[in-house]
Amino acid sequence: MPKIKSHRGAAKRFKTTGSGKVRRQKAYHSHLLTKKDPKRKRQLRKQTDVYSGQVQYVKRLLSGSGK
């Protein structure tokens, strides 16, 4: 049996921490930035935790055990 591949789209978007939490980047920071005030852009730079209801699903995608 070959190794099971992780979901490449998910692997690029999510990172797991040492304690097992799943982190993600915030949305709305890729374009149309001139109309957003500096405070909002600064807050969008930070990473945040994945919603608790989605953590199990995302971990399964990252581990490579399928959908």
PDB file of N, CA and C in Angstrom:
ATOM      1  N   MET A   1       0.832  -1.194   0.000  1.00  0.00           N
ATOM      2  CA  MET A   1       0.000   0.000   0.000  1.00  0.00           C
ATOM      3  C   MET A   1       0.877   1.259   0.000  1.00  0.00           C
ATOM      4  N   PRO A   2       0.560   2.218  -0.876  1.00  0.00           N
ATOM      5  CA  PRO A   2       1.321   3.467  -0.860  1.00  0.00           C
ATOM      6  C   PRO A   2       0.923   4.335   0.335  1.00  0.00           C
ATOM      7  N   LYS A   3       1.761   5.305   0.620  1.00  0.00           N
ATOM      8  CA  LYS A   3       1.439   6.247   1.690  1.00  0.00           C
ATOM      9  C   LYS A   3       0.223   7.065   1.283  1.00  0.00           C
ATOM     10  N   ILE A   4      -0.554   7.464   2.267  1.00  0.00           N
ATOM     11  CA  ILE A   4      -1.732   8.291   1.990  1.00  0.00           C
ATOM     12  C   ILE A   4      -1.303   9.753   1.999  1.00  0.00           C
ATOM     13  N   LYS A   5      -1.661  10.466   0.937  1.00  0.00           N
ATOM     14  CA  LYS A   5      -1.260  11.869   0.818  1.00  0.00           C
ATOM     15  C   LYS A   5      -2.193  12.772   1.610  1.00  0.00           C
ATOM     16  N   SER A   6      -1.610  13.830   2.170  1.00  0.00           N
ATOM     17  CA  SER A   6      -2.441  14.827   2.840  1.00  0.00           C
ATOM     18  C   SER A   6      -3.079  15.722   1.784  1.00  0.00           C
ATOM     19  N   HIS A   7      -4.160  16.375   2.151  1.00  0.00           N
ATOM     20  CA  HIS A   7      -4.875  17.270   1.240  1.00  0.00           C
ATOM     21  C   HIS A   7      -4.017  18.510   1.024  1.00  0.00           C
ATOM     22  N   ARG A   8      -3.515  18.699  -0.193  1.00  0.00           N
ATOM     23  CA  ARG A   8      -2.525  19.745  -0.447  1.00  0.00           C
ATOM     24  C   ARG A   8      -3.099  21.149  -0.266  1.00  0.00           C
ATOM     25  N   GLY A   9      -4.361  21.346  -0.610  1.00  0.00           N
ATOM     26  CA  GLY A   9      -4.982  22.651  -0.412  1.00  0.00           C
ATOM     27  C   GLY A   9      -5.056  23.013   1.060  1.00  0.00           C
ATOM     28  N   ALA A  10      -5.405  22.027   1.889  1.00  0.00           N
ATOM     29  CA  ALA A  10      -5.488  22.251   3.333  1.00  0.00           C
ATOM     30  C   ALA A  10      -4.098  22.442   3.929  1.00  0.00           C
ATOM     31  N   ALA A  11      -3.121  21.705   3.426  1.00  0.00           N
ATOM     32  CA  ALA A  11      -1.763  21.791   3.955  1.00  0.00           C
ATOM     33  C   ALA A  11      -1.170  23.183   3.749  1.00  0.00           C
ATOM     34  N   LYS A  12      -1.576  23.870   2.678  1.00  0.00           N
ATOM     35  CA  LYS A  12      -1.086  25.223   2.406  1.00  0.00           C
ATOM     36  C   LYS A  12      -1.795  26.273   3.256  1.00  0.00           C
ATOM     37  N   ARG A  13      -2.987  25.954   3.737  1.00  0.00           N
ATOM     38  CA  ARG A  13      -3.797  26.944   4.446  1.00  0.00           C
ATOM     39  C   ARG A  13      -3.744  26.826   5.965  1.00  0.00           C
ATOM     40  N   PHE A  14      -3.454  25.645   6.485  1.00  0.00           N
ATOM     41  CA  PHE A  14      -3.509  25.418   7.928  1.00  0.00           C
ATOM     42  C   PHE A  14      -2.179  24.895   8.452  1.00  0.00           C
ATOM     43  N   LYS A  15      -1.854  25.260   9.689  1.00  0.00           N
ATOM     44  CA  LYS A  15      -0.660  24.756  10.364  1.00  0.00           C
ATOM     45  C   LYS A  15      -1.078  24.270  11.742  1.00  0.00           C
ATOM     46  N   THR A  16      -0.479  23.174  12.187  1.00  0.00           N
ATOM     47  CA  THR A  16      -0.759  22.702  13.540  1.00  0.00           C
ATOM     48  C   THR A  16       0.360  23.153  14.470  1.00  0.00           C
ATOM     49  N   THR A  17      -0.011  23.555  15.674  1.00  0.00           N
ATOM     50  CA  THR A  17       0.963  23.991  16.666  1.00  0.00           C
ATOM     51  C   THR A  17       1.486  22.763  17.420  1.00  0.00           C
ATOM     52  N   GLY A  18       2.455  22.972  18.264  1.00  0.00           N
ATOM     53  CA  GLY A  18       3.008  21.884  19.054  1.00  0.00           C
ATOM     54  C   GLY A  18       1.997  21.284  20.005  1.00  0.00           C
ATOM     55  N   SER A  19       1.074  22.115  20.491  1.00  0.00           N
ATOM     56  CA  SER A  19       0.063  21.626  21.436  1.00  0.00           C
ATOM     57  C   SER A  19      -1.132  20.994  20.733  1.00  0.00           C
ATOM     58  N   GLY A  20      -1.140  21.031  19.395  1.00  0.00           N
ATOM     59  CA  GLY A  20      -2.205  20.361  18.650  1.00  0.00           C
ATOM     60  C   GLY A  20      -3.304  21.279  18.135  1.00  0.00           C
ATOM     61  N   LYS A  21      -3.185  22.580  18.404  1.00  0.00           N
ATOM     62  CA  LYS A  21      -4.180  23.512  17.877  1.00  0.00           C
ATOM     63  C   LYS A  21      -3.944  23.709  16.383  1.00  0.00           C
ATOM     64  N   VAL A  22      -4.990  24.082  15.667  1.00  0.00           N
ATOM     65  CA  VAL A  22      -4.875  24.327  14.232  1.00  0.00           C
ATOM     66  C   VAL A  22      -5.010  25.828  14.001  1.00  0.00           C
ATOM     67  N   ARG A  23      -4.052  26.416  13.292  1.00  0.00           N
ATOM     68  CA  ARG A  23      -4.017  27.857  13.050  1.00  0.00           C
ATOM     69  C   ARG A  23      -4.318  28.147  11.588  1.00  0.00           C
ATOM     70  N   ARG A  24      -4.874  29.338  11.329  1.00  0.00           N
ATOM     71  CA  ARG A  24      -5.158  29.766   9.963  1.00  0.00           C
ATOM     72  C   ARG A  24      -4.938  31.264   9.837  1.00  0.00           C
ATOM     73  N   GLN A  25      -4.760  31.728   8.605  1.00  0.00           N
ATOM     74  CA  GLN A  25      -4.671  33.155   8.329  1.00  0.00           C
ATOM     75  C   GLN A  25      -6.074  33.721   8.237  1.00  0.00           C
ATOM     76  N   LYS A  26      -6.216  35.014   8.503  1.00  0.00           N
ATOM     77  CA  LYS A  26      -7.515  35.664   8.372  1.00  0.00           C
ATOM     78  C   LYS A  26      -7.768  36.051   6.918  1.00  0.00           C
ATOM     79  N   ALA A  27      -9.033  36.153   6.569  1.00  0.00           N
ATOM     80  CA  ALA A  27      -9.426  36.532   5.213  1.00  0.00           C
ATOM     81  C   ALA A  27      -9.406  38.048   5.052  1.00  0.00           C
ATOM     82  N   TYR A  28      -9.608  38.510   3.817  1.00  0.00           N
ATOM     83  CA  TYR A  28      -9.741  39.937   3.469  1.00  0.00           C
ATOM     84  C   TYR A  28      -8.439  40.728   3.596  1.00  0.00           C
ATOM     85  N   HIS A  29      -7.304  40.086   3.407  1.00  0.00           N
ATOM     86  CA  HIS A  29      -6.043  40.831   3.483  1.00  0.00           C
ATOM     87  C   HIS A  29      -5.216  40.654   2.210  1.00  0.00           C
ATOM     88  N   SER A  30      -5.882  40.321   1.097  1.00  0.00           N
ATOM     89  CA  SER A  30      -5.114  40.082  -0.123  1.00  0.00           C
ATOM     90  C   SER A  30      -5.196  41.223  -1.123  1.00  0.00           C
ATOM     91  N   HIS A  31      -6.310  41.938  -1.173  1.00  0.00           N
ATOM     92  CA  HIS A  31      -6.428  43.057  -2.111  1.00  0.00           C
ATOM     93  C   HIS A  31      -7.479  44.038  -1.614  1.00  0.00           C
ATOM     94  N   LEU A  32      -7.632  45.155  -2.317  1.00  0.00           N
ATOM     95  CA  LEU A  32      -8.521  46.259  -1.919  1.00  0.00           C
ATOM     96  C   LEU A  32      -8.154  46.771  -0.526  1.00  0.00           C
ATOM     97  N   LEU A  33      -6.864  46.973  -0.301  1.00  0.00           N
ATOM     98  CA  LEU A  33      -6.388  47.353   1.029  1.00  0.00           C
ATOM     99  C   LEU A  33      -6.398  48.862   1.258  1.00  0.00           C
ATOM    100  N   THR A  34      -6.529  49.662   0.194  1.00  0.00           N
ATOM    101  CA  THR A  34      -6.459  51.117   0.371  1.00  0.00           C
ATOM    102  C   THR A  34      -7.640  51.651   1.159  1.00  0.00           C
ATOM    103  N   LYS A  35      -8.797  51.018   1.041  1.00  0.00           N
ATOM    104  CA  LYS A  35      -9.983  51.503   1.755  1.00  0.00           C
ATOM    105  C   LYS A  35     -10.069  50.982   3.188  1.00  0.00           C
ATOM    106  N   LYS A  36      -9.187  50.061   3.565  1.00  0.00           N
ATOM    107  CA  LYS A  36      -9.217  49.516   4.928  1.00  0.00           C
ATOM    108  C   LYS A  36      -8.252  50.321   5.802  1.00  0.00           C
ATOM    109  N   ASP A  37      -8.697  50.652   7.011  1.00  0.00           N
ATOM    110  CA  ASP A  37      -7.842  51.477   7.857  1.00  0.00           C
ATOM    111  C   ASP A  37      -6.711  50.642   8.459  1.00  0.00           C
ATOM    112  N   PRO A  38      -5.627  51.309   8.864  1.00  0.00           N
ATOM    113  CA  PRO A  38      -4.426  50.599   9.322  1.00  0.00           C
ATOM    114  C   PRO A  38      -4.664  49.619  10.462  1.00  0.00           C
ATOM    115  N   LYS A  39      -5.552  49.961  11.376  1.00  0.00           N
ATOM    116  CA  LYS A  39      -5.830  49.062  12.508  1.00  0.00           C
ATOM    117  C   LYS A  39      -6.392  47.731  12.010  1.00  0.00           C
ATOM    118  N   ARG A  40      -7.326  47.824  11.080  1.00  0.00           N
ATOM    119  CA  ARG A  40      -7.941  46.605  10.532  1.00  0.00           C
ATOM    120  C   ARG A  40      -6.917  45.767   9.796  1.00  0.00           C
ATOM    121  N   LYS A  41      -6.053  46.397   8.985  1.00  0.00           N
ATOM    122  CA  LYS A  41      -5.033  45.657   8.236  1.00  0.00           C
ATOM    123  C   LYS A  41      -4.027  45.001   9.177  1.00  0.00           C
ATOM    124  N   ARG A  42      -3.698  45.692  10.257  1.00  0.00           N
ATOM    125  CA  ARG A  42      -2.766  45.149  11.240  1.00  0.00           C
ATOM    126  C   ARG A  42      -3.362  43.919  11.915  1.00  0.00           C
ATOM    127  N   GLN A  43      -4.647  43.974  12.239  1.00  0.00           N
ATOM    128  CA  GLN A  43      -5.299  42.834  12.893  1.00  0.00           C
ATOM    129  C   GLN A  43      -5.455  41.647  11.943  1.00  0.00           C
ATOM    130  N   LEU A  44      -5.609  41.929  10.660  1.00  0.00           N
ATOM    131  CA  LEU A  44      -5.761  40.860   9.677  1.00  0.00           C
ATOM    132  C   LEU A  44      -4.449  40.109   9.440  1.00  0.00           C
ATOM    133  N   ARG A  45      -3.314  40.714   9.801  1.00  0.00           N
ATOM    134  CA  ARG A  45      -2.020  40.046   9.630  1.00  0.00           C
ATOM    135  C   ARG A  45      -1.856  38.848  10.562  1.00  0.00           C
ATOM    136  N   LYS A  46      -2.488  38.911  11.720  1.00  0.00           N
ATOM    137  CA  LYS A  46      -2.292  37.879  12.741  1.00  0.00           C
ATOM    138  C   LYS A  46      -3.020  36.590  12.382  1.00  0.00           C
ATOM    139  N   GLN A  47      -2.473  35.490  12.866  1.00  0.00           N
ATOM    140  CA  GLN A  47      -3.143  34.198  12.685  1.00  0.00           C
ATOM    141  C   GLN A  47      -4.176  34.008  13.786  1.00  0.00           C
ATOM    142  N   THR A  48      -5.121  33.127  13.539  1.00  0.00           N
ATOM    143  CA  THR A  48      -6.142  32.828  14.538  1.00  0.00           C
ATOM    144  C   THR A  48      -6.405  31.323  14.548  1.00  0.00           C
ATOM    145  N   ASP A  49      -7.085  30.856  15.581  1.00  0.00           N
ATOM    146  CA  ASP A  49      -7.398  29.435  15.686  1.00  0.00           C
ATOM    147  C   ASP A  49      -8.560  29.081  14.771  1.00  0.00           C
ATOM    148  N   VAL A  50      -8.574  27.852  14.308  1.00  0.00           N
ATOM    149  CA  VAL A  50      -9.698  27.347  13.527  1.00  0.00           C
ATOM    150  C   VAL A  50     -10.870  27.131  14.482  1.00  0.00           C
ATOM    151  N   TYR A  51     -12.083  27.406  13.998  1.00  0.00           N
ATOM    152  CA  TYR A  51     -13.302  27.220  14.792  1.00  0.00           C
ATOM    153  C   TYR A  51     -13.362  25.782  15.316  1.00  0.00           C
ATOM    154  N   SER A  52     -13.731  25.646  16.582  1.00  0.00           N
ATOM    155  CA  SER A  52     -13.672  24.346  17.253  1.00  0.00           C
ATOM    156  C   SER A  52     -14.490  23.260  16.556  1.00  0.00           C
ATOM    157  N   GLY A  53     -15.575  23.637  15.895  1.00  0.00           N
ATOM    158  CA  GLY A  53     -16.396  22.665  15.193  1.00  0.00           C
ATOM    159  C   GLY A  53     -15.742  22.126  13.933  1.00  0.00           C
ATOM    160  N   GLN A  54     -14.714  22.803  13.440  1.00  0.00           N
ATOM    161  CA  GLN A  54     -14.051  22.399  12.201  1.00  0.00           C
ATOM    162  C   GLN A  54     -12.684  21.744  12.425  1.00  0.00           C
ATOM    163  N   VAL A  55     -12.185  21.781  13.653  1.00  0.00           N
ATOM    164  CA  VAL A  55     -10.820  21.307  13.935  1.00  0.00           C
ATOM    165  C   VAL A  55     -10.641  19.839  13.565  1.00  0.00           C
ATOM    166  N   GLN A  56     -11.579  19.002  13.931  1.00  0.00           N
ATOM    167  CA  GLN A  56     -11.465  17.559  13.663  1.00  0.00           C
ATOM    168  C   GLN A  56     -11.408  17.300  12.158  1.00  0.00           C
ATOM    169  N   TYR A  57     -12.235  17.996  11.394  1.00  0.00           N
ATOM    170  CA  TYR A  57     -12.271  17.853   9.932  1.00  0.00           C
ATOM    171  C   TYR A  57     -10.953  18.285   9.305  1.00  0.00           C
ATOM    172  N   VAL A  58     -10.414  19.429   9.748  1.00  0.00           N
ATOM    173  CA  VAL A  58      -9.165  19.944   9.192  1.00  0.00           C
ATOM    174  C   VAL A  58      -7.998  19.021   9.533  1.00  0.00           C
ATOM    175  N   LYS A  59      -7.967  18.521  10.756  1.00  0.00           N
ATOM    176  CA  LYS A  59      -6.893  17.598  11.149  1.00  0.00           C
ATOM    177  C   LYS A  59      -6.907  16.334  10.300  1.00  0.00           C
ATOM    178  N   ARG A  60      -8.106  15.870   9.965  1.00  0.00           N
ATOM    179  CA  ARG A  60      -8.217  14.671   9.136  1.00  0.00           C
ATOM    180  C   ARG A  60      -7.679  14.927   7.732  1.00  0.00           C
ATOM    181  N   LEU A  61      -7.938  16.124   7.198  1.00  0.00           N
ATOM    182  CA  LEU A  61      -7.396  16.478   5.884  1.00  0.00           C
ATOM    183  C   LEU A  61      -5.862  16.552   5.924  1.00  0.00           C
ATOM    184  N   LEU A  62      -5.330  17.098   7.015  1.00  0.00           N
ATOM    185  CA  LEU A  62      -3.874  17.264   7.128  1.00  0.00           C
ATOM    186  C   LEU A  62      -3.171  15.933   7.342  1.00  0.00           C
ATOM    187  N   SER A  63      -3.812  15.025   8.058  1.00  0.00           N
ATOM    188  CA  SER A  63      -3.159  13.752   8.356  1.00  0.00           C
ATOM    189  C   SER A  63      -3.133  12.820   7.161  1.00  0.00           C
ATOM    190  N   GLY A  64      -4.046  13.036   6.209  1.00  0.00           N
ATOM    191  CA  GLY A  64      -4.058  12.201   5.020  1.00  0.00           C
ATOM    192  C   GLY A  64      -4.932  10.974   5.140  1.00  0.00           C
ATOM    193  N   SER A  65      -5.848  10.999   6.087  1.00  0.00           N
ATOM    194  CA  SER A  65      -6.734   9.830   6.198  1.00  0.00           C
ATOM    195  C   SER A  65      -8.070  10.056   5.495  1.00  0.00           C
ATOM    196  N   GLY A  66      -8.080  10.913   4.516  1.00  0.00           N
ATOM    197  CA  GLY A  66      -9.248  11.076   3.660  1.00  0.00           C
ATOM    198  C   GLY A  66     -10.316  11.991   4.193  1.00  0.00           C
ATOM    199  N   LYS A  67     -11.378  12.146   3.412  1.00  0.00           N
ATOM    200  CA  LYS A  67     -12.464  13.038   3.797  1.00  0.00           C
ATOM    201  C   LYS A  67     -13.454  12.342   4.666  1.00  0.00           C
TER     202      LYS A  67
END
